PDB file of N, CA and C in Angstrom:
ATOM      1  N   UNK A   1      19.158   4.532   4.534  1.00  0.00           N
ATOM      2  CA  UNK A   1      18.227   4.600   3.449  1.00  0.00           C
ATOM      3  C   UNK A   1      17.257   5.742   3.704  1.00  0.00           C
ATOM      4  N   UNK A   2      17.024   6.566   2.692  1.00  0.00           N
ATOM      5  CA  UNK A   2      16.137   7.701   2.831  1.00  0.00           C
ATOM      6  C   UNK A   2      14.678   7.282   2.873  1.00  0.00           C
ATOM      7  N   UNK A   3      13.885   8.154   3.402  1.00  0.00           N
ATOM      8  CA  UNK A   3      12.458   7.892   3.522  1.00  0.00           C
ATOM      9  C   UNK A   3      11.745   8.455   2.307  1.00  0.00           C
ATOM     10  N   UNK A   4      10.907   7.636   1.678  1.00  0.00           N
ATOM     11  CA  UNK A   4      10.168   8.079   0.505  1.00  0.00           C
ATOM     12  C   UNK A   4       8.730   8.353   0.906  1.00  0.00           C
ATOM     13  N   UNK A   5       8.217   9.478   0.472  1.00  0.00           N
ATOM     14  CA  UNK A   5       6.831   9.819   0.766  1.00  0.00           C
ATOM     15  C   UNK A   5       5.984   9.422  -0.435  1.00  0.00           C
ATOM     16  N   UNK A   6       4.990   8.579  -0.188  1.00  0.00           N
ATOM     17  CA  UNK A   6       4.103   8.108  -1.232  1.00  0.00           C
ATOM     18  C   UNK A   6       2.782   8.851  -1.161  1.00  0.00           C
ATOM     19  N   UNK A   7       2.211   9.138  -2.334  1.00  0.00           N
ATOM     20  CA  UNK A   7       0.893   9.763  -2.367  1.00  0.00           C
ATOM     21  C   UNK A   7      -0.153   8.698  -2.044  1.00  0.00           C
ATOM     22  N   UNK A   8      -1.343   9.107  -1.650  1.00  0.00           N
ATOM     23  CA  UNK A   8      -2.400   8.123  -1.380  1.00  0.00           C
ATOM     24  C   UNK A   8      -2.677   7.203  -2.569  1.00  0.00           C
ATOM     25  N   UNK A   9      -2.607   7.747  -3.794  1.00  0.00           N
ATOM     26  CA  UNK A   9      -2.832   6.910  -4.974  1.00  0.00           C
ATOM     27  C   UNK A   9      -1.761   5.829  -5.088  1.00  0.00           C
ATOM     28  N   UNK A  10      -0.517   6.205  -4.828  1.00  0.00           N
ATOM     29  CA  UNK A  10       0.576   5.234  -4.890  1.00  0.00           C
ATOM     30  C   UNK A  10       0.416   4.171  -3.806  1.00  0.00           C
ATOM     31  N   UNK A  11      -0.054   4.573  -2.643  1.00  0.00           N
ATOM     32  CA  UNK A  11      -0.248   3.633  -1.551  1.00  0.00           C
ATOM     33  C   UNK A  11      -1.310   2.608  -1.915  1.00  0.00           C
ATOM     34  N   UNK A  12      -2.435   3.074  -2.464  1.00  0.00           N
ATOM     35  CA  UNK A  12      -3.509   2.161  -2.849  1.00  0.00           C
ATOM     36  C   UNK A  12      -3.017   1.201  -3.923  1.00  0.00           C
ATOM     37  N   UNK A  13      -2.247   1.701  -4.874  1.00  0.00           N
ATOM     38  CA  UNK A  13      -1.708   0.828  -5.930  1.00  0.00           C
ATOM     39  C   UNK A  13      -0.766  -0.221  -5.349  1.00  0.00           C
ATOM     40  N   UNK A  14       0.084   0.181  -4.407  1.00  0.00           N
ATOM     41  CA  UNK A  14       1.007  -0.776  -3.786  1.00  0.00           C
ATOM     42  C   UNK A  14       0.261  -1.812  -2.958  1.00  0.00           C
ATOM     43  N   UNK A  15      -0.814  -1.394  -2.298  1.00  0.00           N
ATOM     44  CA  UNK A  15      -1.616  -2.356  -1.545  1.00  0.00           C
ATOM     45  C   UNK A  15      -2.249  -3.378  -2.484  1.00  0.00           C
ATOM     46  N   UNK A  16      -2.695  -2.917  -3.648  1.00  0.00           N
ATOM     47  CA  UNK A  16      -3.254  -3.836  -4.646  1.00  0.00           C
ATOM     48  C   UNK A  16      -2.190  -4.811  -5.135  1.00  0.00           C
ATOM     49  N   UNK A  17      -0.986  -4.292  -5.398  1.00  0.00           N
ATOM     50  CA  UNK A  17       0.119  -5.165  -5.828  1.00  0.00           C
ATOM     51  C   UNK A  17       0.426  -6.190  -4.744  1.00  0.00           C
ATOM     52  N   UNK A  18       0.391  -5.757  -3.489  1.00  0.00           N
ATOM     53  CA  UNK A  18       0.655  -6.669  -2.379  1.00  0.00           C
ATOM     54  C   UNK A  18      -0.397  -7.771  -2.335  1.00  0.00           C
ATOM     55  N   UNK A  19      -1.658  -7.429  -2.557  1.00  0.00           N
ATOM     56  CA  UNK A  19      -2.728  -8.430  -2.579  1.00  0.00           C
ATOM     57  C   UNK A  19      -2.464  -9.478  -3.648  1.00  0.00           C
ATOM     58  N   UNK A  20      -2.033  -9.020  -4.817  1.00  0.00           N
ATOM     59  CA  UNK A  20      -1.738  -9.950  -5.910  1.00  0.00           C
ATOM     60  C   UNK A  20      -0.578 -10.862  -5.531  1.00  0.00           C
ATOM     61  N   UNK A  21       0.484 -10.291  -4.995  1.00  0.00           N
ATOM     62  CA  UNK A  21       1.647 -11.082  -4.611  1.00  0.00           C
ATOM     63  C   UNK A  21       1.289 -12.105  -3.532  1.00  0.00           C
ATOM     64  N   UNK A  22       0.486 -11.688  -2.579  1.00  0.00           N
ATOM     65  CA  UNK A  22       0.090 -12.598  -1.499  1.00  0.00           C
ATOM     66  C   UNK A  22      -0.792 -13.717  -2.044  1.00  0.00           C
ATOM     67  N   UNK A  23      -1.677 -13.380  -2.982  1.00  0.00           N
ATOM     68  CA  UNK A  23      -2.541 -14.412  -3.572  1.00  0.00           C
ATOM     69  C   UNK A  23      -1.749 -15.405  -4.413  1.00  0.00           C
ATOM     70  N   UNK A  24      -0.565 -15.002  -4.848  1.00  0.00           N
ATOM     71  CA  UNK A  24       0.305 -15.894  -5.627  1.00  0.00           C
ATOM     72  C   UNK A  24       1.148 -16.786  -4.728  1.00  0.00           C
ATOM     73  N   UNK A  25       0.954 -16.680  -3.422  1.00  0.00           N
ATOM     74  CA  UNK A  25       1.646 -17.566  -2.494  1.00  0.00           C
ATOM     75  C   UNK A  25       2.793 -16.934  -1.724  1.00  0.00           C
ATOM     76  N   UNK A  26       3.050 -15.664  -1.941  1.00  0.00           N
ATOM     77  CA  UNK A  26       4.092 -14.975  -1.178  1.00  0.00           C
ATOM     78  C   UNK A  26       3.575 -14.647   0.216  1.00  0.00           C
ATOM     79  N   UNK A  27       4.483 -14.543   1.162  1.00  0.00           N
ATOM     80  CA  UNK A  27       4.100 -14.097   2.498  1.00  0.00           C
ATOM     81  C   UNK A  27       4.014 -12.571   2.486  1.00  0.00           C
ATOM     82  N   UNK A  28       3.442 -12.020   3.536  1.00  0.00           N
ATOM     83  CA  UNK A  28       3.361 -10.559   3.642  1.00  0.00           C
ATOM     84  C   UNK A  28       4.755  -9.967   3.691  1.00  0.00           C
ATOM     85  N   UNK A  29       5.661 -10.656   4.364  1.00  0.00           N
ATOM     86  CA  UNK A  29       7.042 -10.201   4.444  1.00  0.00           C
ATOM     87  C   UNK A  29       7.688 -10.138   3.062  1.00  0.00           C
ATOM     88  N   UNK A  30       7.490 -11.185   2.267  1.00  0.00           N
ATOM     89  CA  UNK A  30       8.066 -11.221   0.919  1.00  0.00           C
ATOM     90  C   UNK A  30       7.441 -10.146   0.024  1.00  0.00           C
ATOM     91  N   UNK A  31       6.124 -10.012   0.093  1.00  0.00           N
ATOM     92  CA  UNK A  31       5.433  -9.018  -0.726  1.00  0.00           C
ATOM     93  C   UNK A  31       5.892  -7.610  -0.356  1.00  0.00           C
ATOM     94  N   UNK A  32       6.010  -7.344   0.925  1.00  0.00           N
ATOM     95  CA  UNK A  32       6.456  -6.022   1.377  1.00  0.00           C
ATOM     96  C   UNK A  32       7.853  -5.716   0.866  1.00  0.00           C
ATOM     97  N   UNK A  33       8.721  -6.699   0.957  1.00  0.00           N
ATOM     98  CA  UNK A  33      10.099  -6.526   0.492  1.00  0.00           C
ATOM     99  C   UNK A  33      10.128  -6.207  -1.004  1.00  0.00           C
ATOM    100  N   UNK A  34       9.302  -6.889  -1.786  1.00  0.00           N
ATOM    101  CA  UNK A  34       9.267  -6.653  -3.230  1.00  0.00           C
ATOM    102  C   UNK A  34       8.737  -5.254  -3.556  1.00  0.00           C
ATOM    103  N   UNK A  35       7.870  -4.722  -2.695  1.00  0.00           N
ATOM    104  CA  UNK A  35       7.327  -3.381  -2.909  1.00  0.00           C
ATOM    105  C   UNK A  35       8.222  -2.286  -2.334  1.00  0.00           C
ATOM    106  N   UNK A  36       9.248  -2.693  -1.594  1.00  0.00           N
ATOM    107  CA  UNK A  36      10.187  -1.719  -1.036  1.00  0.00           C
ATOM    108  C   UNK A  36       9.671  -1.038   0.224  1.00  0.00           C
ATOM    109  N   UNK A  37       8.810  -1.740   0.974  1.00  0.00           N
ATOM    110  CA  UNK A  37       8.284  -1.195   2.226  1.00  0.00           C
ATOM    111  C   UNK A  37       8.487  -2.222   3.342  1.00  0.00           C
ATOM    112  N   UNK A  38       8.309  -1.786   4.572  1.00  0.00           N
ATOM    113  CA  UNK A  38       8.407  -2.715   5.698  1.00  0.00           C
ATOM    114  C   UNK A  38       7.041  -3.333   5.959  1.00  0.00           C
ATOM    115  N   UNK A  39       7.041  -4.431   6.700  1.00  0.00           N
ATOM    116  CA  UNK A  39       5.771  -5.056   7.075  1.00  0.00           C
ATOM    117  C   UNK A  39       4.928  -4.085   7.895  1.00  0.00           C
ATOM    118  N   UNK A  40       5.566  -3.349   8.773  1.00  0.00           N
ATOM    119  CA  UNK A  40       4.853  -2.384   9.611  1.00  0.00           C
ATOM    120  C   UNK A  40       4.140  -1.347   8.744  1.00  0.00           C
ATOM    121  N   UNK A  41       4.841  -0.870   7.716  1.00  0.00           N
ATOM    122  CA  UNK A  41       4.240   0.091   6.796  1.00  0.00           C
ATOM    123  C   UNK A  41       3.062  -0.530   6.073  1.00  0.00           C
ATOM    124  N   UNK A  42       3.204  -1.780   5.635  1.00  0.00           N
ATOM    125  CA  UNK A  42       2.109  -2.477   4.958  1.00  0.00           C
ATOM    126  C   UNK A  42       0.863  -2.507   5.845  1.00  0.00           C
ATOM    127  N   UNK A  43       1.029  -2.910   7.095  1.00  0.00           N
ATOM    128  CA  UNK A  43      -0.117  -3.005   7.999  1.00  0.00           C
ATOM    129  C   UNK A  43      -0.720  -1.628   8.289  1.00  0.00           C
ATOM    130  N   UNK A  44       0.118  -0.625   8.438  1.00  0.00           N
ATOM    131  CA  UNK A  44      -0.385   0.731   8.691  1.00  0.00           C
ATOM    132  C   UNK A  44      -1.175   1.238   7.494  1.00  0.00           C
ATOM    133  N   UNK A  45      -0.629   1.040   6.284  1.00  0.00           N
ATOM    134  CA  UNK A  45      -1.329   1.460   5.072  1.00  0.00           C
ATOM    135  C   UNK A  45      -2.638   0.705   4.910  1.00  0.00           C
ATOM    136  N   UNK A  46      -2.623  -0.598   5.212  1.00  0.00           N
ATOM    137  CA  UNK A  46      -3.825  -1.401   5.052  1.00  0.00           C
ATOM    138  C   UNK A  46      -4.918  -0.913   5.998  1.00  0.00           C
ATOM    139  N   UNK A  47      -4.498  -0.500   7.193  1.00  0.00           N
ATOM    140  CA  UNK A  47      -5.462   0.020   8.165  1.00  0.00           C
ATOM    141  C   UNK A  47      -6.062   1.336   7.669  1.00  0.00           C
ATOM    142  N   UNK A  48      -5.252   2.206   7.091  1.00  0.00           N
ATOM    143  CA  UNK A  48      -5.714   3.517   6.651  1.00  0.00           C
ATOM    144  C   UNK A  48      -6.400   3.499   5.292  1.00  0.00           C
ATOM    145  N   UNK A  49      -5.866   2.709   4.352  1.00  0.00           N
ATOM    146  CA  UNK A  49      -6.318   2.769   2.972  1.00  0.00           C
ATOM    147  C   UNK A  49      -6.922   1.470   2.451  1.00  0.00           C
ATOM    148  N   UNK A  50      -6.998   0.440   3.272  1.00  0.00           N
ATOM    149  CA  UNK A  50      -7.499  -0.846   2.828  1.00  0.00           C
ATOM    150  C   UNK A  50      -8.922  -0.750   2.290  1.00  0.00           C
ATOM    151  N   UNK A  51      -9.178  -1.356   1.139  1.00  0.00           N
ATOM    152  CA  UNK A  51     -10.497  -1.350   0.532  1.00  0.00           C
ATOM    153  C   UNK A  51     -10.827  -0.096  -0.243  1.00  0.00           C
ATOM    154  N   UNK A  52      -9.913   0.850  -0.294  1.00  0.00           N
ATOM    155  CA  UNK A  52     -10.151   2.096  -1.014  1.00  0.00           C
ATOM    156  C   UNK A  52      -9.808   1.941  -2.482  1.00  0.00           C
ATOM    157  N   UNK A  53     -10.516   2.678  -3.314  1.00  0.00           N
ATOM    158  CA  UNK A  53     -10.184   2.780  -4.728  1.00  0.00           C
ATOM    159  C   UNK A  53      -9.222   3.960  -4.901  1.00  0.00           C
ATOM    160  N   UNK A  54      -8.531   3.997  -6.024  1.00  0.00           N
ATOM    161  CA  UNK A  54      -7.579   5.089  -6.268  1.00  0.00           C
ATOM    162  C   UNK A  54      -8.302   6.431  -6.249  1.00  0.00           C
ATOM    163  N   UNK A  55      -9.496   6.490  -6.846  1.00  0.00           N
ATOM    164  CA  UNK A  55     -10.243   7.751  -6.879  1.00  0.00           C
ATOM    165  C   UNK A  55     -10.626   8.211  -5.468  1.00  0.00           C
ATOM    166  N   UNK A  56     -10.931   7.268  -4.587  1.00  0.00           N
ATOM    167  CA  UNK A  56     -11.257   7.625  -3.212  1.00  0.00           C
ATOM    168  C   UNK A  56     -10.021   8.159  -2.487  1.00  0.00           C
ATOM    169  N   UNK A  57      -8.867   7.599  -2.793  1.00  0.00           N
ATOM    170  CA  UNK A  57      -7.630   8.071  -2.177  1.00  0.00           C
ATOM    171  C   UNK A  57      -7.328   9.494  -2.615  1.00  0.00           C
ATOM    172  N   UNK A  58      -7.625   9.813  -3.890  1.00  0.00           N
ATOM    173  CA  UNK A  58      -7.426  11.179  -4.379  1.00  0.00           C
ATOM    174  C   UNK A  58      -8.332  12.145  -3.624  1.00  0.00           C
ATOM    175  N   UNK A  59      -9.585  11.730  -3.397  1.00  0.00           N
ATOM    176  CA  UNK A  59     -10.514  12.565  -2.647  1.00  0.00           C
ATOM    177  C   UNK A  59     -10.029  12.801  -1.228  1.00  0.00           C
ATOM    178  N   UNK A  60      -9.500  11.749  -0.616  1.00  0.00           N
ATOM    179  CA  UNK A  60      -9.004  11.849   0.761  1.00  0.00           C
ATOM    180  C   UNK A  60      -7.839  12.826   0.830  1.00  0.00           C
ATOM    181  N   UNK A  61      -6.965  12.774  -0.184  1.00  0.00           N
ATOM    182  CA  UNK A  61      -5.800  13.649  -0.212  1.00  0.00           C
ATOM    183  C   UNK A  61      -6.228  15.104  -0.333  1.00  0.00           C
ATOM    184  N   UNK A  62      -7.268  15.373  -1.141  1.00  0.00           N
ATOM    185  CA  UNK A  62      -7.695  16.758  -1.351  1.00  0.00           C
ATOM    186  C   UNK A  62      -8.618  17.268  -0.252  1.00  0.00           C
ATOM    187  N   UNK A  63      -8.917  16.391   0.722  1.00  0.00           N
ATOM    188  CA  UNK A  63      -9.729  16.811   1.848  1.00  0.00           C
ATOM    189  C   UNK A  63     -11.219  16.682   1.614  1.00  0.00           C
ATOM    190  N   UNK A  64     -11.613  15.972   0.555  1.00  0.00           N
ATOM    191  CA  UNK A  64     -13.026  15.876   0.217  1.00  0.00           C
ATOM    192  C   UNK A  64     -13.580  14.589   0.507  1.00  0.00           C
TER     193      UNK A  64
END
């Protein structure tokens, strides 16, 4: 399977989707699978982008 590169905005959106799925009773493993990422990727993204808004992720990408 090829590796897909996600933009910071896409990462923040996927983290939000994961939060919704987890709040609906899914495990982190199930939510990650539905988003097409590994659990390890979920935790890494959460560490880097957790609590960020999409606009903040755009700023981070542009170096500002």
